[in-house]
Every structure is written in C-alpha cells, then in structure tokens.
Full PDB file with SEQRES, HELIX, SHEET, SSBOND, CRYST1, ORIGX, SCALE, CONECT and MASTER records, all heavy atoms in Angstrom:
SEQRES   1 A   44  THR VAL ALA ALA LEU THR ALA LEU GLY TYR ALA ILE PRO          
SEQRES   2 A   44  GLN LEU LYS VAL HIS ILE ASN GLY ALA LEU ASN VAL GLY          
SEQRES   3 A   44  CYS THR LYS GLU GLU ILE MET GLU ILE MET MET GLN MET          
SEQRES   4 A   44  ALA VAL TYR ALA GLY                                          
HELIX    1 AA1 VAL A    2  LEU A    8  1                                   7    
HELIX    2 AA2 ILE A   12  ASN A   24  1                                  13    
HELIX    3 AA3 LYS A   29  TYR A   42  1                                  14    
CRYST1    1.000    1.000    1.000  90.00  90.00  90.00 P 1           1          
ORIGX1      1.000000  0.000000  0.000000        0.00000                         
ORIGX2      0.000000  1.000000  0.000000        0.00000                         
ORIGX3      0.000000  0.000000  1.000000        0.00000                         
SCALE1      1.000000  0.000000  0.000000        0.00000                         
SCALE2      0.000000  1.000000  0.000000        0.00000                         
SCALE3      0.000000  0.000000  1.000000        0.00000                         
ATOM      1  N   THR A   1     -48.990  -1.828   4.496  1.00  0.00           N  
ATOM      2  CA  THR A   1     -48.906  -0.973   5.698  1.00  0.00           C  
ATOM      3  C   THR A   1     -49.778  -1.461   6.815  1.00  0.00           C  
ATOM      4  O   THR A   1     -49.355  -1.518   7.958  1.00  0.00           O  
ATOM      5  CB  THR A   1     -49.262   0.485   5.333  1.00  0.00           C  
ATOM      6  OG1 THR A   1     -48.342   0.916   4.282  1.00  0.00           O  
ATOM      7  CG2 THR A   1     -49.114   1.416   6.500  1.00  0.00           C  
ATOM      8  N   VAL A   2     -51.028  -1.823   6.520  1.00  0.00           N  
ATOM      9  CA  VAL A   2     -51.939  -2.344   7.526  1.00  0.00           C  
ATOM     10  C   VAL A   2     -51.357  -3.614   8.146  1.00  0.00           C  
ATOM     11  O   VAL A   2     -51.397  -3.823   9.346  1.00  0.00           O  
ATOM     12  CB  VAL A   2     -53.359  -2.528   6.954  1.00  0.00           C  
ATOM     13  CG1 VAL A   2     -54.247  -3.332   7.916  1.00  0.00           C  
ATOM     14  CG2 VAL A   2     -53.984  -1.195   6.661  1.00  0.00           C  
ATOM     15  N   ALA A   3     -50.817  -4.482   7.290  1.00  0.00           N  
ATOM     16  CA  ALA A   3     -50.232  -5.741   7.785  1.00  0.00           C  
ATOM     17  C   ALA A   3     -49.031  -5.425   8.709  1.00  0.00           C  
ATOM     18  O   ALA A   3     -48.935  -6.006   9.796  1.00  0.00           O  
ATOM     19  CB  ALA A   3     -49.777  -6.617   6.626  1.00  0.00           C  
ATOM     20  N   ALA A   4     -48.175  -4.520   8.313  1.00  0.00           N  
ATOM     21  CA  ALA A   4     -46.993  -4.205   9.134  1.00  0.00           C  
ATOM     22  C   ALA A   4     -47.400  -3.563  10.468  1.00  0.00           C  
ATOM     23  O   ALA A   4     -46.874  -3.962  11.510  1.00  0.00           O  
ATOM     24  CB  ALA A   4     -46.093  -3.279   8.360  1.00  0.00           C  
ATOM     25  N   LEU A   5     -48.326  -2.629  10.426  1.00  0.00           N  
ATOM     26  CA  LEU A   5     -48.760  -1.999  11.679  1.00  0.00           C  
ATOM     27  C   LEU A   5     -49.483  -2.954  12.587  1.00  0.00           C  
ATOM     28  O   LEU A   5     -49.331  -2.888  13.801  1.00  0.00           O  
ATOM     29  CB  LEU A   5     -49.616  -0.773  11.362  1.00  0.00           C  
ATOM     30  CG  LEU A   5     -48.874   0.412  10.737  1.00  0.00           C  
ATOM     31  CD1 LEU A   5     -49.837   1.469  10.248  1.00  0.00           C  
ATOM     32  CD2 LEU A   5     -47.870   0.999  11.728  1.00  0.00           C  
ATOM     33  N   THR A   6     -50.241  -3.901  11.999  1.00  0.00           N  
ATOM     34  CA  THR A   6     -50.888  -4.935  12.797  1.00  0.00           C  
ATOM     35  C   THR A   6     -49.839  -5.813  13.453  1.00  0.00           C  
ATOM     36  O   THR A   6     -49.930  -6.115  14.617  1.00  0.00           O  
ATOM     37  CB  THR A   6     -51.858  -5.791  11.952  1.00  0.00           C  
ATOM     38  OG1 THR A   6     -52.866  -4.878  11.351  1.00  0.00           O  
ATOM     39  CG2 THR A   6     -52.514  -6.865  12.745  1.00  0.00           C  
ATOM     40  N   ALA A   7     -48.841  -6.195  12.708  1.00  0.00           N  
ATOM     41  CA  ALA A   7     -47.792  -7.077  13.203  1.00  0.00           C  
ATOM     42  C   ALA A   7     -47.026  -6.392  14.340  1.00  0.00           C  
ATOM     43  O   ALA A   7     -46.617  -7.084  15.290  1.00  0.00           O  
ATOM     44  CB  ALA A   7     -46.825  -7.485  12.099  1.00  0.00           C  
ATOM     45  N   LEU A   8     -46.825  -5.081  14.246  1.00  0.00           N  
ATOM     46  CA  LEU A   8     -46.143  -4.387  15.324  1.00  0.00           C  
ATOM     47  C   LEU A   8     -46.900  -4.525  16.638  1.00  0.00           C  
ATOM     48  O   LEU A   8     -46.288  -4.708  17.686  1.00  0.00           O  
ATOM     49  CB  LEU A   8     -45.951  -2.923  15.012  1.00  0.00           C  
ATOM     50  CG  LEU A   8     -44.888  -2.540  13.962  1.00  0.00           C  
ATOM     51  CD1 LEU A   8     -44.950  -1.046  13.661  1.00  0.00           C  
ATOM     52  CD2 LEU A   8     -43.501  -2.949  14.477  1.00  0.00           C  
ATOM     53  N   GLY A   9     -48.186  -4.448  16.548  1.00  0.00           N  
ATOM     54  CA  GLY A   9     -49.026  -4.691  17.736  1.00  0.00           C  
ATOM     55  C   GLY A   9     -49.161  -3.483  18.689  1.00  0.00           C  
ATOM     56  O   GLY A   9     -50.001  -3.506  19.546  1.00  0.00           O  
ATOM     57  N   TYR A  10     -48.383  -2.469  18.527  1.00  0.00           N  
ATOM     58  CA  TYR A  10     -48.431  -1.330  19.440  1.00  0.00           C  
ATOM     59  C   TYR A  10     -48.738  -0.010  18.761  1.00  0.00           C  
ATOM     60  O   TYR A  10     -48.919   1.015  19.444  1.00  0.00           O  
ATOM     61  CB  TYR A  10     -47.156  -1.183  20.235  1.00  0.00           C  
ATOM     62  CG  TYR A  10     -45.907  -1.006  19.383  1.00  0.00           C  
ATOM     63  CD1 TYR A  10     -45.586   0.234  18.835  1.00  0.00           C  
ATOM     64  CD2 TYR A  10     -45.092  -2.092  19.061  1.00  0.00           C  
ATOM     65  CE1 TYR A  10     -44.445   0.389  18.044  1.00  0.00           C  
ATOM     66  CE2 TYR A  10     -43.968  -1.910  18.283  1.00  0.00           C  
ATOM     67  CZ  TYR A  10     -43.643  -0.676  17.769  1.00  0.00           C  
ATOM     68  OH  TYR A  10     -42.581  -0.516  16.973  1.00  0.00           O  
ATOM     69  N   ALA A  11     -48.825   0.038  17.467  1.00  0.00           N  
ATOM     70  CA  ALA A  11     -49.009   1.258  16.736  1.00  0.00           C  
ATOM     71  C   ALA A  11     -50.491   1.446  16.339  1.00  0.00           C  
ATOM     72  O   ALA A  11     -50.866   1.663  15.206  1.00  0.00           O  
ATOM     73  CB  ALA A  11     -48.117   1.289  15.490  1.00  0.00           C  
ATOM     74  N   ILE A  12     -51.340   1.332  17.352  1.00  0.00           N  
ATOM     75  CA  ILE A  12     -52.784   1.303  17.106  1.00  0.00           C  
ATOM     76  C   ILE A  12     -53.322   2.622  16.467  1.00  0.00           C  
ATOM     77  O   ILE A  12     -54.081   2.564  15.528  1.00  0.00           O  
ATOM     78  CB  ILE A  12     -53.560   0.953  18.374  1.00  0.00           C  
ATOM     79  CG1 ILE A  12     -53.087  -0.442  18.900  1.00  0.00           C  
ATOM     80  CG2 ILE A  12     -55.069   0.957  18.137  1.00  0.00           C  
ATOM     81  CD1 ILE A  12     -53.183  -1.580  17.915  1.00  0.00           C  
ATOM     82  N   PRO A  13     -52.914   3.775  16.952  1.00  0.00           N  
ATOM     83  CA  PRO A  13     -53.401   5.000  16.292  1.00  0.00           C  
ATOM     84  C   PRO A  13     -53.023   5.082  14.804  1.00  0.00           C  
ATOM     85  O   PRO A  13     -53.854   5.427  13.977  1.00  0.00           O  
ATOM     86  CB  PRO A  13     -52.789   6.168  17.094  1.00  0.00           C  
ATOM     87  CG  PRO A  13     -52.489   5.580  18.427  1.00  0.00           C  
ATOM     88  CD  PRO A  13     -52.117   4.131  18.163  1.00  0.00           C  
ATOM     89  N   GLN A  14     -51.815   4.685  14.500  1.00  0.00           N  
ATOM     90  CA  GLN A  14     -51.347   4.694  13.133  1.00  0.00           C  
ATOM     91  C   GLN A  14     -52.088   3.613  12.321  1.00  0.00           C  
ATOM     92  O   GLN A  14     -52.415   3.796  11.137  1.00  0.00           O  
ATOM     93  CB  GLN A  14     -49.833   4.511  13.026  1.00  0.00           C  
ATOM     94  CG  GLN A  14     -49.067   5.622  13.618  1.00  0.00           C  
ATOM     95  CD  GLN A  14     -48.954   5.628  15.141  1.00  0.00           C  
ATOM     96  OE1 GLN A  14     -49.258   4.618  15.795  1.00  0.00           O  
ATOM     97  NE2 GLN A  14     -48.494   6.702  15.718  1.00  0.00           N  
ATOM     98  N   LEU A  15     -52.356   2.446  12.945  1.00  0.00           N  
ATOM     99  CA  LEU A  15     -53.103   1.374  12.303  1.00  0.00           C  
ATOM    100  C   LEU A  15     -54.490   1.906  11.883  1.00  0.00           C  
ATOM    101  O   LEU A  15     -54.907   1.635  10.766  1.00  0.00           O  
ATOM    102  CB  LEU A  15     -53.160   0.159  13.203  1.00  0.00           C  
ATOM    103  CG  LEU A  15     -54.012  -1.018  12.663  1.00  0.00           C  
ATOM    104  CD1 LEU A  15     -53.489  -1.531  11.304  1.00  0.00           C  
ATOM    105  CD2 LEU A  15     -54.035  -2.129  13.694  1.00  0.00           C  
ATOM    106  N   LYS A  16     -55.157   2.578  12.795  1.00  0.00           N  
ATOM    107  CA  LYS A  16     -56.499   3.092  12.449  1.00  0.00           C  
ATOM    108  C   LYS A  16     -56.428   4.069  11.289  1.00  0.00           C  
ATOM    109  O   LYS A  16     -57.270   4.027  10.421  1.00  0.00           O  
ATOM    110  CB  LYS A  16     -57.107   3.777  13.686  1.00  0.00           C  
ATOM    111  CG  LYS A  16     -57.502   2.832  14.773  1.00  0.00           C  
ATOM    112  CD  LYS A  16     -58.048   3.610  15.942  1.00  0.00           C  
ATOM    113  CE  LYS A  16     -58.272   2.732  17.170  1.00  0.00           C  
ATOM    114  NZ  LYS A  16     -58.698   3.563  18.338  1.00  0.00           N  
ATOM    115  N   VAL A  17     -55.430   4.936  11.272  1.00  0.00           N  
ATOM    116  CA  VAL A  17     -55.287   5.867  10.163  1.00  0.00           C  
ATOM    117  C   VAL A  17     -55.140   5.081   8.837  1.00  0.00           C  
ATOM    118  O   VAL A  17     -55.774   5.396   7.830  1.00  0.00           O  
ATOM    119  CB  VAL A  17     -54.082   6.792  10.369  1.00  0.00           C  
ATOM    120  CG1 VAL A  17     -53.680   7.510   9.099  1.00  0.00           C  
ATOM    121  CG2 VAL A  17     -54.335   7.792  11.489  1.00  0.00           C  
ATOM    122  N   HIS A  18     -54.330   4.028   8.854  1.00  0.00           N  
ATOM    123  CA  HIS A  18     -54.061   3.287   7.640  1.00  0.00           C  
ATOM    124  C   HIS A  18     -55.149   2.270   7.290  1.00  0.00           C  
ATOM    125  O   HIS A  18     -55.350   1.949   6.105  1.00  0.00           O  
ATOM    126  CB  HIS A  18     -52.684   2.657   7.685  1.00  0.00           C  
ATOM    127  CG  HIS A  18     -51.629   3.690   7.425  1.00  0.00           C  
ATOM    128  ND1 HIS A  18     -51.355   4.180   6.175  1.00  0.00           N  
ATOM    129  CD2 HIS A  18     -50.866   4.390   8.293  1.00  0.00           C  
ATOM    130  CE1 HIS A  18     -50.414   5.083   6.266  1.00  0.00           C  
ATOM    131  NE2 HIS A  18     -50.104   5.251   7.548  1.00  0.00           N  
ATOM    132  N   ILE A  19     -55.973   1.862   8.258  1.00  0.00           N  
ATOM    133  CA  ILE A  19     -57.182   1.085   7.894  1.00  0.00           C  
ATOM    134  C   ILE A  19     -58.120   2.012   7.111  1.00  0.00           C  
ATOM    135  O   ILE A  19     -58.657   1.620   6.061  1.00  0.00           O  
ATOM    136  CB  ILE A  19     -57.857   0.487   9.147  1.00  0.00           C  
ATOM    137  CG1 ILE A  19     -57.001  -0.619   9.729  1.00  0.00           C  
ATOM    138  CG2 ILE A  19     -59.249  -0.030   8.790  1.00  0.00           C  
ATOM    139  CD1 ILE A  19     -57.465  -1.155  11.085  1.00  0.00           C  
ATOM    140  N   ASN A  20     -58.276   3.224   7.642  1.00  0.00           N  
ATOM    141  CA  ASN A  20     -59.054   4.240   6.861  1.00  0.00           C  
ATOM    142  C   ASN A  20     -58.459   4.456   5.509  1.00  0.00           C  
ATOM    143  O   ASN A  20     -59.145   4.528   4.505  1.00  0.00           O  
ATOM    144  CB  ASN A  20     -59.151   5.541   7.653  1.00  0.00           C  
ATOM    145  CG  ASN A  20     -60.348   5.599   8.581  1.00  0.00           C  
ATOM    146  OD1 ASN A  20     -61.461   5.454   8.117  1.00  0.00           O  
ATOM    147  ND2 ASN A  20     -60.061   5.814   9.824  1.00  0.00           N  
ATOM    148  N   GLY A  21     -57.100   4.598   5.467  1.00  0.00           N  
ATOM    149  CA  GLY A  21     -56.447   4.787   4.188  1.00  0.00           C  
ATOM    150  C   GLY A  21     -56.637   3.636   3.203  1.00  0.00           C  
ATOM    151  O   GLY A  21     -56.906   3.834   2.028  1.00  0.00           O  
ATOM    152  N   ALA A  22     -56.631   2.433   3.752  1.00  0.00           N  
ATOM    153  CA  ALA A  22     -56.858   1.237   2.884  1.00  0.00           C  
ATOM    154  C   ALA A  22     -58.282   1.310   2.292  1.00  0.00           C  
ATOM    155  O   ALA A  22     -58.464   1.042   1.147  1.00  0.00           O  
ATOM    156  CB  ALA A  22     -56.635  -0.057   3.683  1.00  0.00           C  
ATOM    157  N   LEU A  23     -59.241   1.667   3.114  1.00  0.00           N  
ATOM    158  CA  LEU A  23     -60.621   1.799   2.641  1.00  0.00           C  
ATOM    159  C   LEU A  23     -60.701   2.918   1.627  1.00  0.00           C  
ATOM    160  O   LEU A  23     -61.451   2.794   0.618  1.00  0.00           O  
ATOM    161  CB  LEU A  23     -61.572   2.029   3.806  1.00  0.00           C  
ATOM    162  CG  LEU A  23     -61.710   0.857   4.796  1.00  0.00           C  
ATOM    163  CD1 LEU A  23     -62.391   1.334   6.065  1.00  0.00           C  
ATOM    164  CD2 LEU A  23     -62.414  -0.298   4.161  1.00  0.00           C  
ATOM    165  N   ASN A  24     -59.987   3.987   1.839  1.00  0.00           N  
ATOM    166  CA  ASN A  24     -60.006   5.144   0.911  1.00  0.00           C  
ATOM    167  C   ASN A  24     -59.473   4.806  -0.466  1.00  0.00           C  
ATOM    168  O   ASN A  24     -59.871   5.414  -1.469  1.00  0.00           O  
ATOM    169  CB  ASN A  24     -59.204   6.312   1.455  1.00  0.00           C  
ATOM    170  CG  ASN A  24     -59.870   6.979   2.671  1.00  0.00           C  
ATOM    171  OD1 ASN A  24     -61.050   6.778   2.946  1.00  0.00           O  
ATOM    172  ND2 ASN A  24     -59.059   7.712   3.409  1.00  0.00           N  
ATOM    173  N   VAL A  25     -58.536   3.848  -0.548  1.00  0.00           N  
ATOM    174  CA  VAL A  25     -57.931   3.533  -1.844  1.00  0.00           C  
ATOM    175  C   VAL A  25     -58.431   2.207  -2.409  1.00  0.00           C  
ATOM    176  O   VAL A  25     -57.832   1.655  -3.325  1.00  0.00           O  
ATOM    177  CB  VAL A  25     -56.386   3.543  -1.782  1.00  0.00           C  
ATOM    178  CG1 VAL A  25     -55.876   4.956  -1.430  1.00  0.00           C  
ATOM    179  CG2 VAL A  25     -55.813   2.527  -0.816  1.00  0.00           C  
ATOM    180  N   GLY A  26     -59.565   1.697  -1.898  1.00  0.00           N  
ATOM    181  CA  GLY A  26     -60.218   0.576  -2.547  1.00  0.00           C  
ATOM    182  C   GLY A  26     -60.268  -0.745  -1.837  1.00  0.00           C  
ATOM    183  O   GLY A  26     -60.870  -1.691  -2.354  1.00  0.00           O  
ATOM    184  N   CYS A  27     -59.677  -0.848  -0.662  1.00  0.00           N  
ATOM    185  CA  CYS A  27     -59.814  -2.101   0.078  1.00  0.00           C  
ATOM    186  C   CYS A  27     -61.255  -2.189   0.626  1.00  0.00           C  
ATOM    187  O   CYS A  27     -61.884  -1.190   0.947  1.00  0.00           O  
ATOM    188  CB  CYS A  27     -58.869  -2.138   1.262  1.00  0.00           C  
ATOM    189  SG  CYS A  27     -57.153  -2.488   0.820  1.00  0.00           S  
ATOM    190  N   THR A  28     -61.702  -3.398   0.741  1.00  0.00           N  
ATOM    191  CA  THR A  28     -63.015  -3.653   1.326  1.00  0.00           C  
ATOM    192  C   THR A  28     -62.859  -4.029   2.791  1.00  0.00           C  
ATOM    193  O   THR A  28     -61.763  -4.371   3.244  1.00  0.00           O  
ATOM    194  CB  THR A  28     -63.745  -4.822   0.607  1.00  0.00           C  
ATOM    195  OG1 THR A  28     -62.982  -6.027   0.806  1.00  0.00           O  
ATOM    196  CG2 THR A  28     -63.888  -4.521  -0.895  1.00  0.00           C  
ATOM    197  N   LYS A  29     -63.937  -3.989   3.497  1.00  0.00           N  
ATOM    198  CA  LYS A  29     -63.967  -4.418   4.909  1.00  0.00           C  
ATOM    199  C   LYS A  29     -63.493  -5.893   4.977  1.00  0.00           C  
ATOM    200  O   LYS A  29     -62.682  -6.204   5.849  1.00  0.00           O  
ATOM    201  CB  LYS A  29     -65.437  -4.286   5.441  1.00  0.00           C  
ATOM    202  CG  LYS A  29     -65.570  -4.768   6.852  1.00  0.00           C  
ATOM    203  CD  LYS A  29     -67.036  -4.624   7.271  1.00  0.00           C  
ATOM    204  CE  LYS A  29     -67.239  -5.258   8.631  1.00  0.00           C  
ATOM    205  NZ  LYS A  29     -68.633  -5.230   9.087  1.00  0.00           N  
ATOM    206  N   GLU A  30     -63.947  -6.703   4.059  1.00  0.00           N  
ATOM    207  CA  GLU A  30     -63.544  -8.114   4.056  1.00  0.00           C  
ATOM    208  C   GLU A  30     -62.062  -8.299   3.853  1.00  0.00           C  
ATOM    209  O   GLU A  30     -61.439  -9.131   4.467  1.00  0.00           O  
ATOM    210  CB  GLU A  30     -64.348  -8.870   2.981  1.00  0.00           C  
ATOM    211  CG  GLU A  30     -65.819  -8.971   3.278  1.00  0.00           C  
ATOM    212  CD  GLU A  30     -66.620  -7.677   3.032  1.00  0.00           C  
ATOM    213  OE1 GLU A  30     -66.164  -6.772   2.281  1.00  0.00           O  
ATOM    214  OE2 GLU A  30     -67.712  -7.563   3.616  1.00  0.00           O  
ATOM    215  N   GLU A  31     -61.476  -7.482   2.961  1.00  0.00           N  
ATOM    216  CA  GLU A  31     -59.981  -7.573   2.746  1.00  0.00           C  
ATOM    217  C   GLU A  31     -59.252  -7.165   4.032  1.00  0.00           C  
ATOM    218  O   GLU A  31     -58.248  -7.810   4.351  1.00  0.00           O  
ATOM    219  CB  GLU A  31     -59.598  -6.687   1.581  1.00  0.00           C  
ATOM    220  CG  GLU A  31     -60.041  -7.281   0.243  1.00  0.00           C  
ATOM    221  CD  GLU A  31     -59.824  -6.331  -0.909  1.00  0.00           C  
ATOM    222  OE1 GLU A  31     -60.041  -5.118  -0.784  1.00  0.00           O  
ATOM    223  OE2 GLU A  31     -59.432  -6.812  -2.007  1.00  0.00           O  
ATOM    224  N   ILE A  32     -59.754  -6.135   4.726  1.00  0.00           N  
ATOM    225  CA  ILE A  32     -59.081  -5.737   5.969  1.00  0.00           C  
ATOM    226  C   ILE A  32     -59.147  -6.849   6.963  1.00  0.00           C  
ATOM    227  O   ILE A  32     -58.168  -7.179   7.644  1.00  0.00           O  
ATOM    228  CB  ILE A  32     -59.755  -4.461   6.546  1.00  0.00           C  
ATOM    229  CG1 ILE A  32     -59.721  -3.261   5.561  1.00  0.00           C  
ATOM    230  CG2 ILE A  32     -59.176  -4.103   7.932  1.00  0.00           C  
ATOM    231  CD1 ILE A  32     -58.344  -2.732   5.294  1.00  0.00           C  
ATOM    232  N   MET A  33     -60.292  -7.547   7.065  1.00  0.00           N  
ATOM    233  CA  MET A  33     -60.436  -8.641   7.990  1.00  0.00           C  
ATOM    234  C   MET A  33     -59.492  -9.794   7.625  1.00  0.00           C  
ATOM    235  O   MET A  33     -58.912 -10.412   8.506  1.00  0.00           O  
ATOM    236  CB  MET A  33     -61.893  -9.130   8.006  1.00  0.00           C  
ATOM    237  CG  MET A  33     -62.891  -8.075   8.438  1.00  0.00           C  
ATOM    238  SD  MET A  33     -62.481  -7.233   9.963  1.00  0.00           S  
ATOM    239  CE  MET A  33     -62.894  -8.536  11.118  1.00  0.00           C  
ATOM    240  N   GLU A  34     -59.330 -10.054   6.352  1.00  0.00           N  
ATOM    241  CA  GLU A  34     -58.379 -11.093   5.929  1.00  0.00           C  
ATOM    242  C   GLU A  34     -56.929 -10.736   6.241  1.00  0.00           C  
ATOM    243  O   GLU A  34     -56.163 -11.642   6.591  1.00  0.00           O  
ATOM    244  CB  GLU A  34     -58.554 -11.356   4.411  1.00  0.00           C  
ATOM    245  CG  GLU A  34     -59.810 -12.104   4.067  1.00  0.00           C  
ATOM    246  CD  GLU A  34     -59.908 -13.500   4.677  1.00  0.00           C  
ATOM    247  OE1 GLU A  34     -58.878 -14.206   4.786  1.00  0.00           O  
ATOM    248  OE2 GLU A  34     -61.008 -13.857   5.107  1.00  0.00           O  
ATOM    249  N   ILE A  35     -56.599  -9.487   6.142  1.00  0.00           N  
ATOM    250  CA  ILE A  35     -55.249  -9.047   6.546  1.00  0.00           C  
ATOM    251  C   ILE A  35     -55.022  -9.392   8.031  1.00  0.00           C  
ATOM    252  O   ILE A  35     -53.963  -9.941   8.382  1.00  0.00           O  
ATOM    253  CB  ILE A  35     -55.051  -7.538   6.284  1.00  0.00           C  
ATOM    254  CG1 ILE A  35     -55.066  -7.221   4.798  1.00  0.00           C  
ATOM    255  CG2 ILE A  35     -53.751  -7.057   6.936  1.00  0.00           C  
ATOM    256  CD1 ILE A  35     -55.178  -5.714   4.509  1.00  0.00           C  
ATOM    257  N   MET A  36     -56.002  -9.104   8.877  1.00  0.00           N  
ATOM    258  CA  MET A  36     -55.869  -9.360  10.284  1.00  0.00           C  
ATOM    259  C   MET A  36     -55.718 -10.888  10.535  1.00  0.00           C  
ATOM    260  O   MET A  36     -54.910 -11.292  11.374  1.00  0.00           O  
ATOM    261  CB  MET A  36     -57.060  -8.802  11.058  1.00  0.00           C  
ATOM    262  CG  MET A  36     -57.282  -7.329  10.946  1.00  0.00           C  
ATOM    263  SD  MET A  36     -55.810  -6.382  11.365  1.00  0.00           S  
ATOM    264  CE  MET A  36     -56.280  -4.794  10.676  1.00  0.00           C  
ATOM    265  N   MET A  37     -56.510 -11.671   9.832  1.00  0.00           N  
ATOM    266  CA  MET A  37     -56.418 -13.100  10.000  1.00  0.00           C  
ATOM    267  C   MET A  37     -55.031 -13.621   9.567  1.00  0.00           C  
ATOM    268  O   MET A  37     -54.442 -14.491  10.235  1.00  0.00           O  
ATOM    269  CB  MET A  37     -57.522 -13.806   9.188  1.00  0.00           C  
ATOM    270  CG  MET A  37     -58.904 -13.257   9.581  1.00  0.00           C  
ATOM    271  SD  MET A  37     -60.163 -14.375  10.080  1.00  0.00           S  
ATOM    272  CE  MET A  37     -60.029 -15.832   9.309  1.00  0.00           C  
ATOM    273  N   GLN A  38     -54.500 -13.084   8.493  1.00  0.00           N  
ATOM    274  CA  GLN A  38     -53.182 -13.477   8.018  1.00  0.00           C  
ATOM    275  C   GLN A  38     -52.127 -13.138   9.066  1.00  0.00           C  
ATOM    276  O   GLN A  38     -51.181 -13.884   9.307  1.00  0.00           O  
ATOM    277  CB  GLN A  38     -52.865 -12.734   6.680  1.00  0.00           C  
ATOM    278  CG  GLN A  38     -51.584 -13.133   6.061  1.00  0.00           C  
ATOM    279  CD  GLN A  38     -51.634 -14.471   5.339  1.00  0.00           C  
ATOM    280  OE1 GLN A  38     -52.696 -15.021   5.075  1.00  0.00           O  
ATOM    281  NE2 GLN A  38     -50.458 -15.011   5.057  1.00  0.00           N  
ATOM    282  N   MET A  39     -52.288 -12.000   9.739  1.00  0.00           N  
ATOM    283  CA  MET A  39     -51.307 -11.553  10.716  1.00  0.00           C  
ATOM    284  C   MET A  39     -51.359 -12.455  11.986  1.00  0.00           C  
ATOM    285  O   MET A  39     -50.359 -12.558  12.649  1.00  0.00           O  
ATOM    286  CB  MET A  39     -51.561 -10.115  11.130  1.00  0.00           C  
ATOM    287  CG  MET A  39     -51.162  -9.127  10.012  1.00  0.00           C  
ATOM    288  SD  MET A  39     -49.482  -9.291   9.382  1.00  0.00           S  
ATOM    289  CE  MET A  39     -49.757 -10.314   7.944  1.00  0.00           C  
ATOM    290  N   ALA A  40     -52.463 -13.167  12.226  1.00  0.00           N  
ATOM    291  CA  ALA A  40     -52.515 -14.088  13.356  1.00  0.00           C  
ATOM    292  C   ALA A  40     -51.463 -15.177  13.129  1.00  0.00           C  
ATOM    293  O   ALA A  40     -50.844 -15.661  14.116  1.00  0.00           O  
ATOM    294  CB  ALA A  40     -53.911 -14.710  13.486  1.00  0.00           C  
ATOM    295  N   VAL A  41     -51.240 -15.541  11.898  1.00  0.00           N  
ATOM    296  CA  VAL A  41     -50.257 -16.616  11.621  1.00  0.00           C  
ATOM    297  C   VAL A  41     -48.848 -16.102  11.828  1.00  0.00           C  
ATOM    298  O   VAL A  41     -48.038 -16.791  12.429  1.00  0.00           O  
ATOM    299  CB  VAL A  41     -50.447 -17.079  10.143  1.00  0.00           C  
ATOM    300  CG1 VAL A  41     -49.331 -18.081   9.794  1.00  0.00           C  
ATOM    301  CG2 VAL A  41     -51.796 -17.651   9.892  1.00  0.00           C  
ATOM    302  N   TYR A  42     -48.530 -14.898  11.364  1.00  0.00           N  
ATOM    303  CA  TYR A  42     -47.135 -14.433  11.357  1.00  0.00           C  
ATOM    304  C   TYR A  42     -46.783 -13.503  12.521  1.00  0.00           C  
ATOM    305  O   TYR A  42     -45.606 -13.361  12.853  1.00  0.00           O  
ATOM    306  CB  TYR A  42     -46.842 -13.768  10.014  1.00  0.00           C  
ATOM    307  CG  TYR A  42     -46.842 -14.804   8.962  1.00  0.00           C  
ATOM    308  CD1 TYR A  42     -47.972 -14.961   8.108  1.00  0.00           C  
ATOM    309  CD2 TYR A  42     -45.814 -15.669   8.753  1.00  0.00           C  
ATOM    310  CE1 TYR A  42     -48.003 -15.903   7.120  1.00  0.00           C  
ATOM    311  CE2 TYR A  42     -45.818 -16.626   7.801  1.00  0.00           C  
ATOM    312  CZ  TYR A  42     -46.931 -16.754   6.988  1.00  0.00           C  
ATOM    313  OH  TYR A  42     -46.941 -17.743   6.022  1.00  0.00           O  
ATOM    314  N   ALA A  43     -47.765 -12.842  13.116  1.00  0.00           N  
ATOM    315  CA  ALA A  43     -47.508 -11.903  14.186  1.00  0.00           C  
ATOM    316  C   ALA A  43     -48.088 -12.359  15.508  1.00  0.00           C  
ATOM    317  O   ALA A  43     -47.811 -11.795  16.560  1.00  0.00           O  
ATOM    318  CB  ALA A  43     -48.016 -10.527  13.843  1.00  0.00           C  
ATOM    319  N   GLY A  44     -48.951 -13.360  15.457  1.00  0.00           N  
ATOM    320  CA  GLY A  44     -49.551 -13.902  16.703  1.00  0.00           C  
ATOM    321  C   GLY A  44     -51.002 -13.418  16.893  1.00  0.00           C  
ATOM    322  O   GLY A  44     -51.395 -12.360  16.375  1.00  0.00           O  
TER     323      GLY A  44                                                      
MASTER        0    0    0    3    0    0    0    6  322    1    0    4          
END                                                                             
C-alpha cells in the first residue's frame, strides 16, 4: 500500500495514514525509507 500510494504521487494524506499503518504492523523506519528508494526506480 505504501509503495502504491507513493507511486501515485498525489495521495499524500492517504500515504501518511498508511506509513503510520505500516509502522503499526511492524515495519521499521528503515523499511519505509527503502520502499521510497525503490519507488524512485519505478515511479520516478
């Protein structure tokens, strides 16, 4: 979900909700940062 919302590029409020959600279900800050880096390749 975080990857998809990041790739959309315009769903920032929903992205923030799901970054929080990712942290709530066990993602680390580092994993969130890696998702963003991965999206640079595929979403720009």
